Amino acid sequence: MERLKAYVAQVHTPEAQVFGAQYEFEYYRRFVICVKARIQRTLEQPGPIGAAMPVTPYTLSRSQDKLAQVLPAYCSVEEFLDDLEVLRASLAAQGGIRIARTLIDPLILQVRTFGLHLHTLDIRQHARVLQTALQEAISDTMASSLPSGLSAETSSVLETFRVVAQAKEGCSPEAIRQFVISGAATVDDVLSVIRLARLGGVKVEGSDRDPGLMPVPLFESIEDLRNAPTVAANSGAA
């Protein structure tokens, strides 16, 4: 397998020393060990909030430990899926389709479903708080930086967007997709999220690897619900 050769080449150590003599002709086992090493490296990466992932690390032998030190972490779910697809295609080509369907296909389905993050997270704040924070943050429209002496509430709002931006720079930018606006009533409530997000470094429009951050207005009164179609239409045109 070309992918296995590429992984081994990064270690600059004879294969027998990396995998052990008992795996001399077990190429699939060797490839899976490389995948496990990359997963181990991924688990060791610091999270966007500094919290360790609650997952038990894989146990690699001392000789295989070098793989986890050299091979890169998975920086996106697509990279992980690519390795799994390579493994499945090779098994199918070598007459191992039953193994592929029994062991690899369910794993591919899980990875496509949950990615590297398991759950998505919605951020939520009241429209009134967002409007106040925006007015305070851009009180001096000519300034090149945020004004000093921001209130604790405004500082907290801006810090939330900075944390979102930091999380989106990690391996799973799709983990945060939506910002829920409680008490939304106007187009300005939606635009305030977009403007604050940009102040915090969040790319609202997204990209190929990042779905961005979608403002989700929550209309909570009868009058606001009646006006919701107009607000939604005008928000898209703004």
Protein backbone atom coordinates (compact mmCIF):
# COMPACT_ATOMS: atom_id res chain seq x y z
CA MET A 1 0.00 0.00 0.00
CA GLU A 2 1.42 3.33 -1.11
CA ARG A 3 -0.05 5.15 1.88
CA LEU A 4 1.68 2.75 4.28
CA LYS A 5 5.01 3.27 2.50
CA ALA A 6 4.56 7.03 2.78
CA TYR A 7 3.90 6.79 6.51
CA VAL A 8 6.89 4.54 7.15
CA ALA A 9 9.13 6.84 5.11
CA GLN A 10 8.41 9.67 7.56
CA VAL A 11 9.84 7.68 10.47
CA HIS A 12 13.30 7.13 8.91
CA THR A 13 13.55 3.78 10.71
CA PRO A 14 13.53 0.26 9.24
CA GLU A 15 10.02 -1.22 9.22
CA ALA A 16 11.11 -4.23 11.26
CA GLN A 17 12.17 -1.93 14.09
CA VAL A 18 8.95 0.07 13.97
CA PHE A 19 6.42 -2.75 13.76
CA GLY A 20 8.30 -5.77 15.03
CA ALA A 21 9.17 -8.99 13.21
CA GLN A 22 5.79 -10.59 13.99
CA TYR A 23 4.06 -8.13 11.64
CA GLU A 24 6.44 -8.71 8.70
CA PHE A 25 3.72 -9.65 6.20
CA GLU A 26 0.71 -8.09 7.98
CA TYR A 27 0.43 -4.92 5.92
CA TYR A 28 -3.10 -4.10 6.98
CA ARG A 29 -2.13 -4.37 10.64
CA ARG A 30 0.80 -2.05 9.99
CA PHE A 31 -1.47 0.48 8.27
CA VAL A 32 -3.98 0.36 11.12
CA ILE A 33 -1.12 0.95 13.60
CA CYS A 34 -0.22 4.08 11.62
CA VAL A 35 -3.83 5.24 11.76
CA LYS A 36 -3.90 4.61 15.52
CA ALA A 37 -0.69 6.61 15.88
CA ARG A 38 -2.26 9.57 14.07
CA ILE A 39 -5.36 9.30 16.27
CA GLN A 40 -3.11 9.24 19.34
CA ARG A 41 -1.38 12.38 18.08
CA THR A 42 -4.77 14.01 17.50
CA LEU A 43 -5.88 13.22 21.07
CA GLU A 44 -2.72 14.84 22.39
CA GLN A 45 -3.42 18.13 20.64
CA PRO A 46 -4.46 20.95 23.01
CA GLY A 47 -8.15 21.75 22.70
CA PRO A 48 -9.42 25.25 21.82
CA ILE A 49 -10.34 25.81 25.47
CA GLY A 50 -7.42 23.86 26.88
CA ALA A 51 -9.53 20.92 28.02
CA ALA A 52 -8.25 17.42 27.35
CA MET A 53 -10.50 15.11 25.35
CA PRO A 54 -12.10 12.49 27.63
CA VAL A 55 -10.88 9.56 25.57
CA THR A 56 -8.61 6.76 26.72
CA PRO A 57 -5.38 6.88 24.67
CA TYR A 58 -4.41 3.96 22.49
CA THR A 59 -1.64 1.74 23.78
CA LEU A 60 1.28 1.58 21.37
CA SER A 61 4.41 -0.46 21.91
CA ARG A 62 7.65 1.38 22.62
CA SER A 63 8.88 0.88 19.06
CA GLN A 64 5.55 2.05 17.61
CA ASP A 65 5.53 5.07 19.88
CA LYS A 66 7.86 6.79 17.43
CA LEU A 67 5.03 6.77 14.90
CA ALA A 68 2.91 8.91 17.21
CA GLN A 69 5.82 11.32 17.56
CA VAL A 70 6.45 11.66 13.83
CA LEU A 71 3.16 11.15 11.99
CA PRO A 72 0.94 14.24 11.94
CA ALA A 73 -2.34 14.56 13.80
CA TYR A 74 -5.56 14.45 11.84
CA CYS A 75 -6.34 18.12 11.22
CA SER A 76 -9.76 17.43 9.73
CA VAL A 77 -12.31 14.65 9.58
CA GLU A 78 -11.66 14.45 5.83
CA GLU A 79 -8.08 13.32 6.48
CA PHE A 80 -9.28 10.53 8.77
CA LEU A 81 -11.97 9.46 6.30
CA ASP A 82 -9.40 9.40 3.50
CA ASP A 83 -7.28 6.86 5.38
CA LEU A 84 -10.35 4.73 6.10
CA GLU A 85 -11.45 4.87 2.46
CA VAL A 86 -7.95 3.81 1.33
CA LEU A 87 -8.11 0.87 3.74
CA ARG A 88 -11.58 -0.14 2.55
CA ALA A 89 -10.69 0.10 -1.14
CA SER A 90 -7.61 -2.07 -0.64
CA LEU A 91 -9.57 -4.71 1.26
CA ALA A 92 -12.24 -4.78 -1.44
CA ALA A 93 -9.61 -5.09 -4.18
CA GLN A 94 -7.91 -7.99 -2.38
CA GLY A 95 -11.05 -10.05 -1.86
CA GLY A 96 -11.75 -8.77 1.65
CA ILE A 97 -15.07 -7.09 0.92
CA ARG A 98 -16.83 -8.91 3.80
CA ILE A 99 -14.25 -7.59 6.26
CA ALA A 100 -14.62 -4.11 4.77
CA ARG A 101 -18.41 -4.19 5.09
CA THR A 102 -18.34 -5.68 8.59
CA LEU A 103 -15.57 -3.62 10.21
CA ILE A 104 -14.73 -0.57 8.10
CA ASP A 105 -18.10 0.57 6.75
CA PRO A 106 -19.68 1.05 10.22
CA LEU A 107 -16.62 3.05 11.31
CA ILE A 108 -16.78 5.24 8.21
CA LEU A 109 -20.47 5.89 8.92
CA GLN A 110 -19.68 6.89 12.51
CA VAL A 111 -16.89 9.24 11.42
CA ARG A 112 -19.13 10.87 8.80
CA THR A 113 -21.86 11.30 11.40
CA PHE A 114 -19.86 12.56 14.37
CA GLY A 115 -16.62 13.84 12.84
CA LEU A 116 -13.85 14.52 15.33
CA HIS A 117 -16.12 16.47 17.68
CA LEU A 118 -19.07 14.10 18.45
CA HIS A 119 -21.52 16.95 19.26
CA THR A 120 -22.18 20.37 17.78
CA LEU A 121 -22.50 23.41 20.02
CA ASP A 122 -24.89 26.34 19.57
CA ILE A 123 -23.93 29.70 21.08
CA ARG A 124 -26.81 31.77 22.47
CA GLN A 125 -27.21 35.33 23.70
CA HIS A 126 -30.08 37.81 24.04
CA ALA A 127 -30.52 40.39 21.29
CA ARG A 128 -30.52 43.24 23.83
CA VAL A 129 -27.12 42.18 25.18
CA LEU A 130 -25.71 41.90 21.66
CA GLN A 131 -26.99 45.32 20.62
CA THR A 132 -25.52 46.94 23.73
CA ALA A 133 -22.19 45.21 23.19
CA LEU A 134 -22.02 46.31 19.56
CA GLN A 135 -22.84 49.93 20.38
CA GLU A 136 -20.17 49.96 23.08
CA ALA A 137 -17.56 48.22 20.90
CA ILE A 138 -17.95 50.60 17.95
CA SER A 139 -18.64 53.79 19.91
CA ASP A 140 -15.62 55.35 18.20
CA THR A 141 -16.13 54.47 14.53
CA MET A 142 -12.83 56.08 13.52
CA ALA A 143 -10.67 54.14 15.97
CA SER A 144 -8.40 51.37 14.67
CA SER A 145 -8.94 49.23 17.78
CA LEU A 146 -11.63 48.52 20.34
CA PRO A 147 -12.16 51.22 22.98
CA SER A 148 -10.73 50.69 26.43
CA GLY A 149 -12.87 50.35 29.53
CA LEU A 150 -15.49 48.04 28.04
CA SER A 151 -18.14 46.79 30.43
CA ALA A 152 -17.83 43.28 31.81
CA GLU A 153 -20.87 42.17 29.81
CA THR A 154 -19.50 43.51 26.52
CA SER A 155 -16.06 42.04 27.23
CA SER A 156 -17.72 38.66 27.84
CA VAL A 157 -19.61 38.85 24.54
CA LEU A 158 -16.46 39.70 22.58
CA GLU A 159 -14.48 36.99 24.38
CA THR A 160 -17.16 34.47 23.40
CA PHE A 161 -16.63 35.28 19.73
CA ARG A 162 -12.84 35.08 20.16
CA VAL A 163 -13.20 31.59 21.65
CA VAL A 164 -15.45 30.59 18.74
CA ALA A 165 -12.81 31.86 16.30
CA GLN A 166 -10.13 29.90 18.14
CA ALA A 167 -12.24 26.73 18.09
CA LYS A 168 -12.82 27.11 14.36
CA GLU A 169 -9.08 27.23 13.75
CA GLY A 170 -8.82 23.69 15.17
CA CYS A 171 -9.55 20.29 13.66
CA SER A 172 -13.35 20.55 13.84
CA PRO A 173 -14.57 24.00 12.75
CA GLU A 174 -17.95 22.42 12.01
CA ALA A 175 -18.52 21.84 15.74
CA ILE A 176 -19.90 25.39 16.06
CA ARG A 177 -22.27 26.42 13.27
CA GLN A 178 -25.04 28.56 14.75
CA PHE A 179 -25.49 31.59 17.00
CA VAL A 180 -28.98 31.73 18.48
CA ILE A 181 -30.34 35.23 19.13
CA SER A 182 -32.90 35.20 21.95
CA GLY A 183 -35.59 37.89 21.81
CA ALA A 184 -34.87 38.74 18.17
CA ALA A 185 -37.20 41.29 16.62
CA THR A 186 -35.39 43.23 13.88
CA VAL A 187 -32.82 42.90 11.12
CA ASP A 188 -30.36 44.79 13.32
CA ASP A 189 -30.49 41.92 15.82
CA VAL A 190 -29.20 39.58 13.11
CA LEU A 191 -26.61 42.04 11.81
CA SER A 192 -25.26 42.63 15.31
CA VAL A 193 -24.11 38.98 15.45
CA ILE A 194 -22.35 39.33 12.10
CA ARG A 195 -20.58 42.54 13.14
CA LEU A 196 -19.58 41.26 16.58
CA ALA A 197 -18.39 37.98 15.08
CA ARG A 198 -16.08 39.87 12.72
CA LEU A 199 -14.77 41.94 15.60
CA GLY A 200 -13.98 38.66 17.36
CA GLY A 201 -12.23 37.16 14.34
CA VAL A 202 -14.99 34.76 13.24
CA LYS A 203 -15.46 34.26 9.50
CA VAL A 204 -19.24 34.23 9.35
CA GLU A 205 -19.41 33.39 5.65
CA GLY A 206 -17.43 30.19 6.06
CA SER A 207 -15.10 28.41 3.64
CA ASP A 208 -14.45 24.96 2.20
CA ARG A 209 -13.37 23.58 5.60
CA ASP A 210 -15.48 25.81 7.85
CA PRO A 211 -19.29 26.13 7.56
CA GLY A 212 -19.07 29.56 9.18
CA LEU A 213 -21.44 30.92 11.82
CA MET A 214 -25.12 31.34 11.01
CA PRO A 215 -27.19 33.84 13.04
CA VAL A 216 -30.43 32.13 14.09
CA PRO A 217 -33.03 34.66 15.30
CA LEU A 218 -35.41 33.32 17.92
CA PHE A 219 -38.73 35.19 17.70
CA GLU A 220 -40.44 34.89 21.07
CA SER A 221 -43.51 37.12 20.95
CA ILE A 222 -46.62 36.94 18.77
CA GLU A 223 -45.80 40.27 17.13
CA ASP A 224 -42.21 39.22 16.43
CA LEU A 225 -43.41 35.93 14.95
CA ARG A 226 -45.72 37.84 12.60
CA ASN A 227 -42.82 40.03 11.51
CA ALA A 228 -40.40 37.09 11.19
CA PRO A 229 -40.81 36.57 7.39
CA THR A 230 -40.00 40.22 6.72
CA VAL A 231 -37.04 40.20 9.09
CA ALA A 232 -35.69 37.01 7.52
CA ALA A 233 -36.09 38.37 3.98
CA ASN A 234 -34.44 41.68 4.83
CA SER A 235 -31.62 39.93 6.71
CA GLY A 236 -30.75 37.96 3.59
CA ALA A 237 -30.71 41.13 1.50
CA ALA A 238 -28.63 43.13 4.00
